[in-house]
N, C-alpha and C. Protein backbone atom coordinates (compact mmCIF):
# COMPACT_ATOMS: atom_id res chain seq x y z
N MET A 1 -190.31 -21.94 86.92
CA MET A 1 -190.02 -20.91 87.41
C MET A 1 -191.47 -20.48 88.46
N LYS A 2 -190.94 -19.79 89.50
CA LYS A 2 -192.26 -19.40 89.97
C LYS A 2 -192.87 -18.09 89.69
N CYS A 3 -193.96 -17.82 89.73
CA CYS A 3 -194.78 -16.95 89.42
C CYS A 3 -195.31 -15.95 90.43
N ILE A 4 -195.54 -15.18 90.66
CA ILE A 4 -196.21 -14.30 91.47
C ILE A 4 -196.88 -13.09 90.65
N SER A 5 -198.49 -12.77 90.95
CA SER A 5 -199.56 -12.38 90.61
C SER A 5 -199.28 -11.17 91.40
N VAL A 6 -199.54 -9.59 90.80
CA VAL A 6 -199.85 -8.78 91.52
C VAL A 6 -201.07 -8.08 90.38
N TYR A 7 -202.36 -7.95 91.31
CA TYR A 7 -203.45 -7.64 90.71
C TYR A 7 -203.29 -5.62 90.69
N THR A 8 -202.88 -5.12 90.10
CA THR A 8 -203.17 -3.33 89.77
C THR A 8 -202.72 -3.62 88.22
N LYS A 9 -203.28 -2.57 87.59
CA LYS A 9 -202.66 -1.90 86.57
C LYS A 9 -201.59 -0.67 86.65
N ASP A 10 -201.50 -0.24 87.67
CA ASP A 10 -200.65 0.84 88.48
C ASP A 10 -199.09 0.51 88.30
N PHE A 11 -198.51 0.97 87.24
CA PHE A 11 -196.92 1.05 87.05
C PHE A 11 -196.42 1.30 88.72
N GLY A 12 -196.71 2.86 89.13
CA GLY A 12 -196.42 3.70 89.85
C GLY A 12 -196.48 2.67 91.33
N LEU A 13 -197.73 2.01 91.47
CA LEU A 13 -197.92 1.54 92.31
C LEU A 13 -196.87 0.33 92.58
N PHE A 14 -197.01 -0.42 91.69
CA PHE A 14 -196.17 -1.52 91.09
C PHE A 14 -194.89 -1.68 91.37
N SER A 15 -194.35 -0.51 91.11
CA SER A 15 -192.26 -0.34 91.31
C SER A 15 -193.22 -0.24 92.90
N ASP A 16 -193.56 1.09 93.75
CA ASP A 16 -193.48 1.36 95.19
C ASP A 16 -193.64 -0.40 95.90
N ILE A 17 -194.53 -1.57 95.40
CA ILE A 17 -194.27 -2.32 96.43
C ILE A 17 -193.52 -3.60 96.26
N TYR A 18 -193.14 -3.30 94.80
CA TYR A 18 -191.72 -4.43 94.36
C TYR A 18 -190.94 -5.09 95.04
N GLU A 19 -190.19 -4.06 95.93
CA GLU A 19 -188.97 -4.44 96.76
C GLU A 19 -189.89 -5.71 97.92
N GLU A 20 -190.84 -4.73 98.25
CA GLU A 20 -191.99 -5.42 99.69
C GLU A 20 -191.99 -6.93 98.92
N ILE A 21 -192.30 -7.54 98.01
CA ILE A 21 -193.14 -8.09 97.47
C ILE A 21 -191.77 -9.53 97.36
N MET A 22 -190.61 -8.88 97.00
CA MET A 22 -189.51 -9.32 96.62
C MET A 22 -188.76 -10.06 98.00
N GLU A 23 -188.94 -9.00 98.95
CA GLU A 23 -188.11 -9.61 100.48
C GLU A 23 -188.66 -10.62 100.97
N ALA A 24 -190.11 -10.62 100.54
CA ALA A 24 -191.31 -11.78 101.18
C ALA A 24 -192.08 -12.20 100.69
N PRO A 25 -191.96 -12.82 99.09
CA PRO A 25 -192.72 -13.15 98.07
C PRO A 25 -193.87 -14.19 99.02
N PRO A 26 -195.17 -14.33 98.47
CA PRO A 26 -196.38 -15.33 99.45
C PRO A 26 -195.67 -16.34 98.71
N ALA A 27 -196.72 -17.30 99.46
CA ALA A 27 -196.00 -18.97 99.02
C ALA A 27 -197.05 -19.26 97.88
N GLU A 28 -196.89 -20.31 97.56
CA GLU A 28 -198.13 -21.03 96.44
C GLU A 28 -199.27 -20.82 96.76
N ASN A 29 -200.14 -20.61 96.66
CA ASN A 29 -201.73 -20.16 96.81
C ASN A 29 -202.28 -19.60 97.87
N GLU A 30 -200.91 -18.74 98.59
CA GLU A 30 -201.02 -17.72 99.42
C GLU A 30 -201.53 -16.33 99.15
N GLU A 31 -202.07 -15.49 99.54
CA GLU A 31 -202.56 -14.33 99.01
C GLU A 31 -202.01 -13.66 100.37
N LYS A 32 -201.90 -12.43 99.76
CA LYS A 32 -201.68 -11.16 100.83
C LYS A 32 -201.91 -9.86 100.13
N VAL A 33 -202.12 -9.02 100.86
CA VAL A 33 -202.74 -7.40 100.38
C VAL A 33 -201.54 -6.62 100.73
N ILE A 34 -201.31 -5.74 99.97
CA ILE A 34 -199.76 -4.98 100.42
C ILE A 34 -200.44 -3.94 99.75
N GLU A 35 -200.56 -2.43 100.45
CA GLU A 35 -201.28 -1.23 100.10
C GLU A 35 -202.28 -1.42 99.60
N GLY A 36 -202.89 -2.17 99.68
CA GLY A 36 -204.23 -2.12 99.18
C GLY A 36 -204.29 -2.99 97.64
N VAL A 37 -203.25 -4.09 97.07
CA VAL A 37 -202.99 -4.62 96.46
C VAL A 37 -202.77 -5.90 96.83
N THR A 38 -203.89 -6.64 96.05
CA THR A 38 -203.76 -8.32 96.38
C THR A 38 -202.49 -9.19 95.67
N VAL A 39 -201.95 -9.76 96.12
CA VAL A 39 -200.47 -10.35 95.73
C VAL A 39 -200.73 -12.01 95.90
N SER A 40 -200.59 -12.95 95.13
CA SER A 40 -200.63 -13.90 95.53
C SER A 40 -199.71 -15.05 94.39
N GLY A 41 -199.07 -16.27 95.28
CA GLY A 41 -198.54 -16.86 94.71
C GLY A 41 -198.87 -18.08 93.67
N ALA A 42 -198.52 -17.72 92.43
CA ALA A 42 -198.92 -18.37 91.30
C ALA A 42 -198.90 -19.80 91.11
N GLY A 43 -197.65 -19.74 91.84
CA GLY A 43 -197.08 -21.61 91.54
C GLY A 43 -196.10 -21.71 90.55
N GLU A 44 -196.05 -22.59 90.08
CA GLU A 44 -194.95 -22.96 89.01
C GLU A 44 -195.33 -22.56 87.83
N VAL A 45 -194.91 -22.30 86.74
CA VAL A 45 -194.98 -21.81 85.42
C VAL A 45 -193.59 -21.89 84.72
N PRO A 46 -193.98 -22.93 83.47
CA PRO A 46 -193.03 -23.61 82.25
C PRO A 46 -192.31 -22.15 82.01
N GLU A 47 -190.87 -22.64 81.49
CA GLU A 47 -190.21 -21.69 80.77
C GLU A 47 -190.61 -20.70 79.82
N GLN A 48 -191.42 -21.63 78.67
CA GLN A 48 -191.96 -21.22 77.58
C GLN A 48 -193.16 -20.52 77.80
N TYR A 49 -193.47 -20.15 79.19
CA TYR A 49 -194.89 -19.21 79.27
C TYR A 49 -194.66 -18.02 78.99
N ILE A 50 -192.97 -17.69 79.37
CA ILE A 50 -192.77 -16.04 79.89
C ILE A 50 -192.50 -16.08 77.60
N GLU A 51 -192.12 -17.33 77.04
CA GLU A 51 -191.66 -16.84 75.52
C GLU A 51 -193.50 -16.77 74.66
N ARG A 52 -194.17 -17.85 75.35
CA ARG A 52 -195.76 -17.23 74.61
C ARG A 52 -195.86 -16.07 74.86
N MET A 53 -195.88 -15.67 76.07
CA MET A 53 -196.96 -14.04 76.53
C MET A 53 -195.58 -12.87 75.70
N ARG A 54 -194.59 -13.38 75.44
CA ARG A 54 -193.65 -12.33 75.03
C ARG A 54 -193.93 -12.32 73.56
N VAL A 55 -194.70 -12.65 73.17
CA VAL A 55 -194.95 -12.99 71.49
C VAL A 55 -196.49 -11.83 71.55
N LYS A 56 -196.89 -11.84 72.27
CA LYS A 56 -198.56 -10.88 72.47
C LYS A 56 -198.33 -9.66 72.54
N PRO A 57 -198.89 -8.89 71.42
CA PRO A 57 -198.46 -7.61 71.82
C PRO A 57 -198.98 -6.90 72.94
N GLU A 58 -200.49 -7.52 73.70
CA GLU A 58 -200.78 -6.61 74.75
C GLU A 58 -199.90 -6.92 75.99
N VAL A 59 -198.99 -7.91 76.01
CA VAL A 59 -198.29 -8.24 77.00
C VAL A 59 -196.57 -6.97 76.82
N VAL A 60 -196.56 -6.40 78.10
CA VAL A 60 -195.29 -6.01 78.17
C VAL A 60 -193.96 -6.94 79.35
N VAL A 61 -193.15 -7.10 78.56
CA VAL A 61 -192.12 -7.80 79.14
C VAL A 61 -190.85 -6.68 79.78
N MET A 62 -190.85 -7.16 81.06
CA MET A 62 -189.43 -6.21 81.89
C MET A 62 -188.62 -7.53 82.57
N ARG A 63 -187.21 -7.28 82.56
CA ARG A 63 -186.11 -8.04 82.98
C ARG A 63 -185.42 -6.99 84.23
N GLU A 64 -185.52 -8.06 85.12
CA GLU A 64 -184.39 -7.27 86.46
C GLU A 64 -183.10 -8.27 86.12
N LYS A 65 -182.25 -7.86 85.44
CA LYS A 65 -181.21 -9.12 85.29
C LYS A 65 -180.29 -9.35 86.76
N GLU A 66 -180.04 -8.79 87.12
CA GLU A 66 -179.64 -8.89 88.63
C GLU A 66 -180.08 -9.87 89.42
N ARG A 67 -181.40 -10.50 89.47
CA ARG A 67 -181.59 -11.15 90.16
C ARG A 67 -182.37 -12.67 89.30
N ASN A 68 -182.13 -12.40 87.92
CA ASN A 68 -183.13 -13.20 86.78
C ASN A 68 -184.41 -13.12 86.55
N VAL A 69 -185.14 -12.40 86.82
CA VAL A 69 -186.65 -11.99 87.04
C VAL A 69 -187.13 -11.11 86.01
N THR A 70 -187.94 -12.04 85.13
CA THR A 70 -189.08 -11.29 84.39
C THR A 70 -190.38 -10.64 85.07
N ILE A 71 -190.73 -9.84 84.52
CA ILE A 71 -191.91 -9.00 84.89
C ILE A 71 -192.86 -8.69 83.77
N LEU A 72 -194.03 -9.71 83.64
CA LEU A 72 -194.97 -9.46 82.54
C LEU A 72 -195.87 -8.61 83.29
N GLN A 73 -196.12 -7.66 82.14
CA GLN A 73 -197.57 -6.41 82.26
C GLN A 73 -198.58 -7.54 81.55
N HIS A 74 -199.82 -7.53 81.67
CA HIS A 74 -201.29 -7.53 80.71
C HIS A 74 -202.37 -7.39 81.32
N GLY A 75 -202.74 -6.39 80.72
CA GLY A 75 -204.15 -6.14 81.59
C GLY A 75 -204.28 -6.05 82.81
N ASP A 76 -204.61 -5.86 84.05
CA ASP A 76 -204.73 -5.41 85.26
C ASP A 76 -204.00 -6.35 86.18
N VAL A 77 -203.11 -6.84 85.58
CA VAL A 77 -202.16 -8.00 86.33
C VAL A 77 -200.80 -7.53 85.84
N PHE A 78 -199.88 -7.65 87.23
CA PHE A 78 -198.38 -7.96 86.91
C PHE A 78 -197.99 -9.32 86.89
N GLU A 79 -196.94 -10.45 86.46
CA GLU A 79 -197.06 -11.42 86.61
C GLU A 79 -195.27 -11.89 87.25
N ILE A 80 -194.81 -11.43 88.30
CA ILE A 80 -193.02 -11.91 88.56
C ILE A 80 -192.92 -13.21 88.38
N CYS A 81 -191.90 -13.09 87.51
CA CYS A 81 -191.35 -14.81 87.35
C CYS A 81 -189.91 -14.71 87.64
N LEU A 82 -189.81 -15.77 89.28
CA LEU A 82 -188.69 -16.02 89.76
C LEU A 82 -187.91 -17.01 89.33
N PRO A 83 -186.82 -17.43 89.31
CA PRO A 83 -186.36 -19.25 88.75
C PRO A 83 -186.56 -19.97 89.90
N SER A 84 -186.93 -20.86 89.98
CA SER A 84 -187.27 -21.32 90.84
C SER A 84 -186.23 -21.83 91.70
N ALA A 85 -186.13 -22.08 93.12
CA ALA A 85 -184.73 -22.64 93.84
C ALA A 85 -183.74 -23.56 92.91
N GLU A 86 -184.30 -24.64 92.01
CA GLU A 86 -183.49 -25.39 91.82
C GLU A 86 -182.60 -24.87 90.63
N GLU A 87 -183.24 -23.88 89.90
CA GLU A 87 -182.85 -23.10 88.72
C GLU A 87 -182.09 -22.55 89.08
N SER A 88 -181.96 -21.95 90.30
CA SER A 88 -181.05 -20.59 90.76
C SER A 88 -179.67 -20.66 91.50
N ALA A 89 -179.88 -22.57 91.93
CA ALA A 89 -178.51 -23.50 92.61
C ALA A 89 -177.47 -23.41 91.43
């Protein structure tokens, strides 16, 4: 899975820029600033990563079923986990 890190704890701001991030996600190791928020391509994470994070009480897990996207929120960061190109094909 491809992971994108969004460095904000403000859910409203995250929601405002989410579609913009999804339309033009950063490449691996690329960093962008959107409306003052740093967004970076964190690369690939194993499928088990989401399962490990899901059991932690401080992690909020959200799903966007339409695009098969999982969003993790913990601390001051949101992580958008997308299926890799091979997985979605």
